[in-house]
Amino acid sequence: MATKLAHLRSARVMPLWGHASTVDIWHTPSATKVGSGATAYRIAKRLFDLVLATVLLTLLAPLMALIAFAIVLDSRGPALFVQKRVRGDQSLRGTRPEEQVFDFFKFRTMSHHADPAIHQEYMRRLIHGDAEKGNNLYKIENDPRVTRVGRFLRKTSLDELPQLINILRGEMTFVGPRPAIPYEVTHYKPHYLERLTVTQGLTGLWQVMGRNELSFEEMVALDVQYARGRSFLGDIKILLATIPAVLIGRGVC
């Protein structure tokens, strides 16, 4: 792991950002790929998503029902948490801002009507480099809003299972950058926007290459690296690498 992080830190800035000071989200190198190879990749990726999401939803339906039951027993409120996330899909070029978001599904891990201001401030500090390194990206360590069942779901990444529905609906994919929250994007530096030019995913490069050891800048660098060099074989490798990452506690978030 130390070797991977050292290599990432030594190469992440100039190869990815170049000299660009402004970025049009829909006109980056990854957003303008054309050709039969790119088309074949998109078709294969979508078919893979449909088949795997359908199979997993069928097999995991009893477990998901049990999780939902445990959530409502543990605390008042719905079992499902729905949040607006940025879709980050180049097919949305020219659409209104409200059409560039989707309903992102998770099992609820916090008390109902938890104050989002805590997370908003945390993300602001994280993006601007003010948060302590080593904390979970996107999730606040020892968050007082998290329920007893929620802590278990987060530790095992079972809270992410409802996103199989997002994948089935075509709003997400299995492998890609994690969907950003709209208030998070308001703090982005221009070059961060390139991570939003591909369909957002359940897991990705940063989840399997350090996660908690990475800064927000390094996470974005990995997302951009994926966006510029993604391939079907690469997606399979990331999916396979996610399994041990989840088992040892570095899973998706």
C-alpha atoms as a PDB file:
ATOM      1  CA  MET A   1       0.000   0.000   0.000  1.00  0.00           C
ATOM      2  CA  ALA A   2       2.794   2.426   0.901  1.00  0.00           C
ATOM      3  CA  THR A   3       4.340   1.903  -2.532  1.00  0.00           C
ATOM      4  CA  LYS A   4       1.028   2.586  -4.286  1.00  0.00           C
ATOM      5  CA  LEU A   5       0.503   5.811  -2.340  1.00  0.00           C
ATOM      6  CA  ALA A   6       4.063   6.993  -2.934  1.00  0.00           C
ATOM      7  CA  HIS A   7       3.652   6.432  -6.683  1.00  0.00           C
ATOM      8  CA  LEU A   8       0.303   8.213  -6.682  1.00  0.00           C
ATOM      9  CA  ARG A   9       1.628  11.246  -4.817  1.00  0.00           C
ATOM     10  CA  SER A  10       4.639  11.570  -7.095  1.00  0.00           C
ATOM     11  CA  ALA A  11       2.581  11.508 -10.320  1.00  0.00           C
ATOM     12  CA  ARG A  12      -0.860  12.770  -9.559  1.00  0.00           C
ATOM     13  CA  VAL A  13      -0.821  16.517 -10.268  1.00  0.00           C
ATOM     14  CA  MET A  14       0.792  17.467 -13.574  1.00  0.00           C
ATOM     15  CA  PRO A  15      -0.174  14.412 -15.670  1.00  0.00           C
ATOM     16  CA  LEU A  16      -3.810  14.860 -14.687  1.00  0.00           C
ATOM     17  CA  TRP A  17      -4.313  18.575 -14.422  1.00  0.00           C
ATOM     18  CA  GLY A  18      -1.850  19.942 -16.970  1.00  0.00           C
ATOM     19  CA  HIS A  19      -2.103  23.714 -17.207  1.00  0.00           C
ATOM     20  CA  ALA A  20      -5.886  24.036 -17.380  1.00  0.00           C
ATOM     21  CA  SER A  21      -7.334  26.713 -15.139  1.00  0.00           C
ATOM     22  CA  THR A  22     -10.934  26.239 -16.203  1.00  0.00           C
ATOM     23  CA  VAL A  23     -12.762  23.087 -17.227  1.00  0.00           C
ATOM     24  CA  ASP A  24     -15.992  22.697 -19.140  1.00  0.00           C
ATOM     25  CA  ILE A  25     -17.499  19.620 -17.519  1.00  0.00           C
ATOM     26  CA  TRP A  26     -18.861  18.320 -20.822  1.00  0.00           C
ATOM     27  CA  HIS A  27     -15.765  19.014 -22.956  1.00  0.00           C
ATOM     28  CA  THR A  28     -12.947  17.158 -21.253  1.00  0.00           C
ATOM     29  CA  PRO A  29     -10.894  14.386 -22.899  1.00  0.00           C
ATOM     30  CA  SER A  30     -12.988  11.653 -21.286  1.00  0.00           C
ATOM     31  CA  ALA A  31     -16.220  13.283 -22.397  1.00  0.00           C
ATOM     32  CA  THR A  32     -15.222  13.432 -26.050  1.00  0.00           C
ATOM     33  CA  LYS A  33     -14.118   9.848 -26.666  1.00  0.00           C
ATOM     34  CA  VAL A  34     -15.581   8.564 -29.896  1.00  0.00           C
ATOM     35  CA  GLY A  35     -15.276   5.514 -32.080  1.00  0.00           C
ATOM     36  CA  SER A  36     -16.442   1.941 -32.252  1.00  0.00           C
ATOM     37  CA  GLY A  37     -14.269   0.933 -29.297  1.00  0.00           C
ATOM     38  CA  ALA A  38     -15.891   3.502 -27.020  1.00  0.00           C
ATOM     39  CA  THR A  39     -19.370   2.498 -28.219  1.00  0.00           C
ATOM     40  CA  ALA A  40     -18.658  -1.190 -27.655  1.00  0.00           C
ATOM     41  CA  TYR A  41     -17.390  -0.393 -24.170  1.00  0.00           C
ATOM     42  CA  ARG A  42     -20.535   1.553 -23.258  1.00  0.00           C
ATOM     43  CA  ILE A  43     -22.806  -1.214 -24.549  1.00  0.00           C
ATOM     44  CA  ALA A  44     -20.845  -3.974 -22.804  1.00  0.00           C
ATOM     45  CA  LYS A  45     -20.721  -1.993 -19.577  1.00  0.00           C
ATOM     46  CA  ARG A  46     -24.467  -1.346 -19.599  1.00  0.00           C
ATOM     47  CA  LEU A  47     -25.328  -4.974 -20.353  1.00  0.00           C
ATOM     48  CA  PHE A  48     -23.002  -6.108 -17.581  1.00  0.00           C
ATOM     49  CA  ASP A  49     -24.646  -3.659 -15.160  1.00  0.00           C
ATOM     50  CA  LEU A  50     -28.149  -4.844 -16.058  1.00  0.00           C
ATOM     51  CA  VAL A  51     -27.351  -8.539 -15.686  1.00  0.00           C
ATOM     52  CA  LEU A  52     -25.312  -8.275 -12.482  1.00  0.00           C
ATOM     53  CA  ALA A  53     -27.698  -5.824 -10.781  1.00  0.00           C
ATOM     54  CA  THR A  54     -30.685  -8.037 -11.612  1.00  0.00           C
ATOM     55  CA  VAL A  55     -28.965 -11.163 -10.292  1.00  0.00           C
ATOM     56  CA  LEU A  56     -27.770  -9.468  -7.107  1.00  0.00           C
ATOM     57  CA  LEU A  57     -31.127  -7.851  -6.366  1.00  0.00           C
ATOM     58  CA  THR A  58     -32.828 -11.243  -6.758  1.00  0.00           C
ATOM     59  CA  LEU A  59     -30.324 -13.081  -4.560  1.00  0.00           C
ATOM     60  CA  LEU A  60     -30.050 -10.364  -1.919  1.00  0.00           C
ATOM     61  CA  ALA A  61     -33.743  -9.479  -1.649  1.00  0.00           C
ATOM     62  CA  PRO A  62     -34.237 -11.506   1.604  1.00  0.00           C
ATOM     63  CA  LEU A  63     -31.167  -9.897   3.181  1.00  0.00           C
ATOM     64  CA  MET A  64     -32.293  -6.415   2.134  1.00  0.00           C
ATOM     65  CA  ALA A  65     -35.739  -7.039   3.650  1.00  0.00           C
ATOM     66  CA  LEU A  66     -34.090  -8.146   6.901  1.00  0.00           C
ATOM     67  CA  ILE A  67     -31.892  -5.033   6.951  1.00  0.00           C
ATOM     68  CA  ALA A  68     -34.907  -2.788   6.376  1.00  0.00           C
ATOM     69  CA  PHE A  69     -36.744  -4.486   9.254  1.00  0.00           C
ATOM     70  CA  ALA A  70     -33.749  -4.025  11.581  1.00  0.00           C
ATOM     71  CA  ILE A  71     -33.492  -0.324  10.706  1.00  0.00           C
ATOM     72  CA  VAL A  72     -37.117   0.489  11.532  1.00  0.00           C
ATOM     73  CA  LEU A  73     -36.895  -1.508  14.779  1.00  0.00           C
ATOM     74  CA  ASP A  74     -33.779   0.369  15.846  1.00  0.00           C
ATOM     75  CA  SER A  75     -34.964   3.923  15.208  1.00  0.00           C
ATOM     76  CA  ARG A  76     -37.969   5.841  13.972  1.00  0.00           C
ATOM     77  CA  GLY A  77     -38.109   6.713  10.309  1.00  0.00           C
ATOM     78  CA  PRO A  78     -38.012   4.991   6.908  1.00  0.00           C
ATOM     79  CA  ALA A  79     -35.560   2.210   6.122  1.00  0.00           C
ATOM     80  CA  LEU A  80     -34.458   3.885   2.906  1.00  0.00           C
ATOM     81  CA  PHE A  81     -32.518   7.135   2.717  1.00  0.00           C
ATOM     82  CA  VAL A  82     -32.973   9.125  -0.500  1.00  0.00           C
ATOM     83  CA  GLN A  83     -30.626  11.956  -1.382  1.00  0.00           C
ATOM     84  CA  LYS A  84     -30.060  14.081  -4.470  1.00  0.00           C
ATOM     85  CA  ARG A  85     -26.708  13.352  -6.131  1.00  0.00           C
ATOM     86  CA  VAL A  86     -25.078  14.728  -9.275  1.00  0.00           C
ATOM     87  CA  ARG A  87     -25.504  12.279 -12.117  1.00  0.00           C
ATOM     88  CA  GLY A  88     -22.280  13.180 -13.893  1.00  0.00           C
ATOM     89  CA  ASP A  89     -23.319  11.736 -17.248  1.00  0.00           C
ATOM     90  CA  GLN A  90     -22.160  13.370 -20.489  1.00  0.00           C
ATOM     91  CA  SER A  91     -25.540  12.538 -22.063  1.00  0.00           C
ATOM     92  CA  LEU A  92     -26.964  15.391 -19.935  1.00  0.00           C
ATOM     93  CA  ARG A  93     -25.138  18.104 -21.881  1.00  0.00           C
ATOM     94  CA  GLY A  94     -27.352  21.153 -22.289  1.00  0.00           C
ATOM     95  CA  THR A  95     -29.866  20.095 -19.619  1.00  0.00           C
ATOM     96  CA  ARG A  96     -30.995  22.277 -16.734  1.00  0.00           C
ATOM     97  CA  PRO A  97     -29.150  21.859 -13.397  1.00  0.00           C
ATOM     98  CA  GLU A  98     -32.162  20.185 -11.781  1.00  0.00           C
ATOM     99  CA  GLU A  99     -32.063  17.528 -14.496  1.00  0.00           C
ATOM    100  CA  GLN A 100     -28.428  16.707 -13.721  1.00  0.00           C
ATOM    101  CA  VAL A 101     -29.268  15.085 -10.370  1.00  0.00           C
ATOM    102  CA  PHE A 102     -30.973  11.831  -9.427  1.00  0.00           C
ATOM    103  CA  ASP A 103     -32.450  10.155  -6.355  1.00  0.00           C
ATOM    104  CA  PHE A 104     -29.610   8.227  -4.740  1.00  0.00           C
ATOM    105  CA  PHE A 105     -30.678   5.291  -2.567  1.00  0.00           C
ATOM    106  CA  LYS A 106     -29.059   3.960   0.609  1.00  0.00           C
ATOM    107  CA  PHE A 107     -30.236   2.192   3.708  1.00  0.00           C
ATOM    108  CA  ARG A 108     -30.721   4.813   6.401  1.00  0.00           C
ATOM    109  CA  THR A 109     -27.836   4.781   8.873  1.00  0.00           C
ATOM    110  CA  MET A 110     -28.598   8.017  10.714  1.00  0.00           C
ATOM    111  CA  SER A 111     -31.414   9.235  12.898  1.00  0.00           C
ATOM    112  CA  HIS A 112     -34.355  10.473  10.859  1.00  0.00           C
ATOM    113  CA  HIS A 113     -34.148  14.168   9.876  1.00  0.00           C
ATOM    114  CA  ALA A 114     -30.477  14.349  10.883  1.00  0.00           C
ATOM    115  CA  ASP A 115     -29.018  17.826  10.398  1.00  0.00           C
ATOM    116  CA  PRO A 116     -27.066  17.864   7.082  1.00  0.00           C
ATOM    117  CA  ALA A 117     -25.131  20.991   8.127  1.00  0.00           C
ATOM    118  CA  ILE A 118     -22.546  18.838   9.942  1.00  0.00           C
ATOM    119  CA  HIS A 119     -21.692  16.953   6.767  1.00  0.00           C
ATOM    120  CA  GLN A 120     -21.785  20.082   4.620  1.00  0.00           C
ATOM    121  CA  GLU A 121     -19.162  21.724   6.820  1.00  0.00           C
ATOM    122  CA  TYR A 122     -17.102  18.531   6.901  1.00  0.00           C
ATOM    123  CA  MET A 123     -17.076  18.282   3.097  1.00  0.00           C
ATOM    124  CA  ARG A 124     -16.126  21.941   2.779  1.00  0.00           C
ATOM    125  CA  ARG A 125     -13.135  21.386   5.051  1.00  0.00           C
ATOM    126  CA  LEU A 126     -12.214  18.121   3.315  1.00  0.00           C
ATOM    127  CA  ILE A 127     -12.256  19.611  -0.183  1.00  0.00           C
ATOM    128  CA  HIS A 128     -10.259  22.648   0.895  1.00  0.00           C
ATOM    129  CA  GLY A 129      -7.694  20.463   2.665  1.00  0.00           C
ATOM    130  CA  ASP A 130      -8.655  21.504   6.201  1.00  0.00           C
ATOM    131  CA  ALA A 131      -9.885  18.092   7.412  1.00  0.00           C
ATOM    132  CA  GLU A 132      -7.521  15.682   9.114  1.00  0.00           C
ATOM    133  CA  LYS A 133      -6.010  13.158   6.745  1.00  0.00           C
ATOM    134  CA  GLY A 134      -6.914   9.562   7.526  1.00  0.00           C
ATOM    135  CA  ASN A 135     -10.613  10.228   8.041  1.00  0.00           C
ATOM    136  CA  ASN A 136     -13.170   8.446   5.873  1.00  0.00           C
ATOM    137  CA  LEU A 137     -13.879  10.389   2.724  1.00  0.00           C
ATOM    138  CA  TYR A 138     -17.589  11.313   2.638  1.00  0.00           C
ATOM    139  CA  LYS A 139     -18.322   9.730   6.046  1.00  0.00           C
ATOM    140  CA  ILE A 140     -17.550  11.472   9.324  1.00  0.00           C
ATOM    141  CA  GLU A 141     -15.756   9.312  11.856  1.00  0.00           C
ATOM    142  CA  ASN A 142     -17.693   8.858  15.128  1.00  0.00           C
ATOM    143  CA  ASP A 143     -20.658  10.766  13.714  1.00  0.00           C
ATOM    144  CA  PRO A 144     -23.177  11.180  16.580  1.00  0.00           C
ATOM    145  CA  ARG A 145     -26.085  11.035  14.129  1.00  0.00           C
ATOM    146  CA  VAL A 146     -25.377   7.388  13.197  1.00  0.00           C
ATOM    147  CA  THR A 147     -27.656   4.746  14.739  1.00  0.00           C
ATOM    148  CA  ARG A 148     -26.593   1.405  16.261  1.00  0.00           C
ATOM    149  CA  VAL A 149     -27.713  -0.562  13.211  1.00  0.00           C
ATOM    150  CA  GLY A 150     -26.271   2.170  11.009  1.00  0.00           C
ATOM    151  CA  ARG A 151     -22.787   1.675  12.423  1.00  0.00           C
ATOM    152  CA  PHE A 152     -22.898  -2.014  11.504  1.00  0.00           C
ATOM    153  CA  LEU A 153     -24.242  -1.277   8.019  1.00  0.00           C
ATOM    154  CA  ARG A 154     -21.502   1.269   7.351  1.00  0.00           C
ATOM    155  CA  LYS A 155     -18.758  -1.000   8.632  1.00  0.00           C
ATOM    156  CA  THR A 156     -19.898  -3.805   6.314  1.00  0.00           C
ATOM    157  CA  SER A 157     -20.949  -1.487   3.427  1.00  0.00           C
ATOM    158  CA  LEU A 158     -24.393  -3.121   3.450  1.00  0.00           C
ATOM    159  CA  ASP A 159     -25.951   0.344   3.478  1.00  0.00           C
ATOM    160  CA  GLU A 160     -24.950   0.640  -0.191  1.00  0.00           C
ATOM    161  CA  LEU A 161     -27.077  -2.282  -1.423  1.00  0.00           C
ATOM    162  CA  PRO A 162     -30.078  -0.139  -2.526  1.00  0.00           C
ATOM    163  CA  GLN A 163     -27.813   1.467  -5.136  1.00  0.00           C
ATOM    164  CA  LEU A 164     -28.325  -1.701  -7.154  1.00  0.00           C
ATOM    165  CA  ILE A 165     -31.673  -0.088  -7.994  1.00  0.00           C
ATOM    166  CA  ASN A 166     -29.867   3.047  -9.219  1.00  0.00           C
ATOM    167  CA  ILE A 167     -27.663   0.832 -11.393  1.00  0.00           C
ATOM    168  CA  LEU A 168     -30.644  -1.025 -12.790  1.00  0.00           C
ATOM    169  CA  ARG A 169     -32.292   2.305 -13.658  1.00  0.00           C
ATOM    170  CA  GLY A 170     -29.167   3.487 -15.483  1.00  0.00           C
ATOM    171  CA  GLU A 171     -28.451   6.341 -13.053  1.00  0.00           C
ATOM    172  CA  MET A 172     -25.267   4.678 -11.815  1.00  0.00           C
ATOM    173  CA  THR A 173     -22.869   1.939 -12.840  1.00  0.00           C
ATOM    174  CA  PHE A 174     -20.909  -0.617 -10.839  1.00  0.00           C
ATOM    175  CA  VAL A 175     -17.536   1.048 -11.451  1.00  0.00           C
ATOM    176  CA  GLY A 176     -17.036   4.797 -11.589  1.00  0.00           C
ATOM    177  CA  PRO A 177     -16.476   7.862  -9.394  1.00  0.00           C
ATOM    178  CA  ARG A 178     -18.789   8.110  -6.398  1.00  0.00           C
ATOM    179  CA  PRO A 179     -21.807  10.384  -7.032  1.00  0.00           C
ATOM    180  CA  ALA A 180     -21.222  13.841  -5.600  1.00  0.00           C
ATOM    181  CA  ILE A 181     -23.708  15.752  -3.452  1.00  0.00           C
ATOM    182  CA  PRO A 182     -24.721  19.069  -5.082  1.00  0.00           C
ATOM    183  CA  TYR A 183     -23.405  21.169  -2.188  1.00  0.00           C
ATOM    184  CA  GLU A 184     -20.079  19.347  -2.482  1.00  0.00           C
ATOM    185  CA  VAL A 185     -19.698  20.371  -6.137  1.00  0.00           C
ATOM    186  CA  THR A 186     -20.098  24.055  -5.234  1.00  0.00           C
ATOM    187  CA  HIS A 187     -16.675  23.834  -3.535  1.00  0.00           C
ATOM    188  CA  TYR A 188     -14.935  22.044  -6.428  1.00  0.00           C
ATOM    189  CA  LYS A 189     -11.875  23.500  -8.068  1.00  0.00           C
ATOM    190  CA  PRO A 190     -12.369  23.664 -11.859  1.00  0.00           C
ATOM    191  CA  HIS A 191     -10.221  20.625 -12.583  1.00  0.00           C
ATOM    192  CA  TYR A 192     -12.249  18.488 -10.138  1.00  0.00           C
ATOM    193  CA  LEU A 193     -15.203  18.613 -12.528  1.00  0.00           C
ATOM    194  CA  GLU A 194     -13.652  16.046 -14.853  1.00  0.00           C
ATOM    195  CA  ARG A 195     -14.618  13.307 -12.382  1.00  0.00           C
ATOM    196  CA  LEU A 196     -18.247  14.112 -13.243  1.00  0.00           C
ATOM    197  CA  THR A 197     -17.924  13.460 -16.978  1.00  0.00           C
ATOM    198  CA  VAL A 198     -18.550   9.713 -16.669  1.00  0.00           C
ATOM    199  CA  THR A 199     -21.394   7.765 -15.132  1.00  0.00           C
ATOM    200  CA  GLN A 200     -20.952   7.655 -11.375  1.00  0.00           C
ATOM    201  CA  GLY A 201     -20.397   4.287  -9.723  1.00  0.00           C
ATOM    202  CA  LEU A 202     -20.758   2.036  -6.707  1.00  0.00           C
ATOM    203  CA  THR A 203     -17.015   1.469  -6.414  1.00  0.00           C
ATOM    204  CA  GLY A 204     -13.903   2.798  -8.082  1.00  0.00           C
ATOM    205  CA  LEU A 205     -10.144   3.183  -8.090  1.00  0.00           C
ATOM    206  CA  TRP A 206      -9.802   5.136  -4.875  1.00  0.00           C
ATOM    207  CA  GLN A 207     -11.797   2.576  -2.873  1.00  0.00           C
ATOM    208  CA  VAL A 208      -9.254  -0.109  -3.734  1.00  0.00           C
ATOM    209  CA  MET A 209      -6.108   2.057  -3.601  1.00  0.00           C
ATOM    210  CA  GLY A 210      -6.038   3.427  -0.099  1.00  0.00           C
ATOM    211  CA  ARG A 211      -9.328   5.179   0.597  1.00  0.00           C
ATOM    212  CA  ASN A 212      -8.683   6.374   4.179  1.00  0.00           C
ATOM    213  CA  GLU A 213      -5.017   7.126   3.483  1.00  0.00           C
ATOM    214  CA  LEU A 214      -5.913   9.439   0.602  1.00  0.00           C
ATOM    215  CA  SER A 215      -6.684  13.140   0.591  1.00  0.00           C
ATOM    216  CA  PHE A 216      -9.625  14.512  -1.385  1.00  0.00           C
ATOM    217  CA  GLU A 217      -7.178  15.742  -4.040  1.00  0.00           C
ATOM    218  CA  GLU A 218      -5.738  12.243  -4.420  1.00  0.00           C
ATOM    219  CA  MET A 219      -9.214  10.732  -4.618  1.00  0.00           C
ATOM    220  CA  VAL A 220     -10.107  13.123  -7.437  1.00  0.00           C
ATOM    221  CA  ALA A 221      -6.820  12.312  -9.200  1.00  0.00           C
ATOM    222  CA  LEU A 222      -7.721   8.615  -9.196  1.00  0.00           C
ATOM    223  CA  ASP A 223     -11.238   9.359 -10.462  1.00  0.00           C
ATOM    224  CA  VAL A 224      -9.829  11.419 -13.345  1.00  0.00           C
ATOM    225  CA  GLN A 225      -7.282   8.702 -14.065  1.00  0.00           C
ATOM    226  CA  TYR A 226     -10.178   6.236 -14.324  1.00  0.00           C
ATOM    227  CA  ALA A 227     -12.275   8.575 -16.476  1.00  0.00           C
ATOM    228  CA  ARG A 228      -9.459   9.003 -19.004  1.00  0.00           C
ATOM    229  CA  GLY A 229      -8.378   5.360 -19.211  1.00  0.00           C
ATOM    230  CA  ARG A 230     -11.463   3.296 -18.361  1.00  0.00           C
ATOM    231  CA  SER A 231     -11.950  -0.077 -20.008  1.00  0.00           C
ATOM    232  CA  PHE A 232     -14.153  -3.119 -19.510  1.00  0.00           C
ATOM    233  CA  LEU A 233     -11.220  -5.216 -18.293  1.00  0.00           C
ATOM    234  CA  GLY A 234     -10.223  -2.432 -15.928  1.00  0.00           C
ATOM    235  CA  ASP A 235     -13.757  -2.333 -14.535  1.00  0.00           C
ATOM    236  CA  ILE A 236     -13.663  -6.075 -13.847  1.00  0.00           C
ATOM    237  CA  LYS A 237     -10.315  -5.740 -12.076  1.00  0.00           C
ATOM    238  CA  ILE A 238     -11.669  -2.949  -9.866  1.00  0.00           C
ATOM    239  CA  LEU A 239     -14.778  -4.974  -9.018  1.00  0.00           C
ATOM    240  CA  LEU A 240     -12.672  -7.978  -8.038  1.00  0.00           C
ATOM    241  CA  ALA A 241     -10.344  -5.786  -5.958  1.00  0.00           C
ATOM    242  CA  THR A 242     -13.355  -4.281  -4.164  1.00  0.00           C
ATOM    243  CA  ILE A 243     -14.242  -7.621  -2.552  1.00  0.00           C
ATOM    244  CA  PRO A 244     -11.130  -7.866  -0.339  1.00  0.00           C
ATOM    245  CA  ALA A 245     -11.250  -4.078   0.244  1.00  0.00           C
ATOM    246  CA  VAL A 246     -14.750  -4.447   1.729  1.00  0.00           C
ATOM    247  CA  LEU A 247     -13.755  -7.500   3.790  1.00  0.00           C
ATOM    248  CA  ILE A 248     -10.864  -5.663   5.425  1.00  0.00           C
ATOM    249  CA  GLY A 249     -12.851  -2.491   6.002  1.00  0.00           C
ATOM    250  CA  ARG A 250     -11.835  -0.334   3.018  1.00  0.00           C
ATOM    251  CA  GLY A 251     -15.051  -0.910   1.123  1.00  0.00           C
ATOM    252  CA  VAL A 252     -17.264   1.414  -0.838  1.00  0.00           C
ATOM    253  CA  CYS A 253     -18.763   4.404   0.932  1.00  0.00           C
END
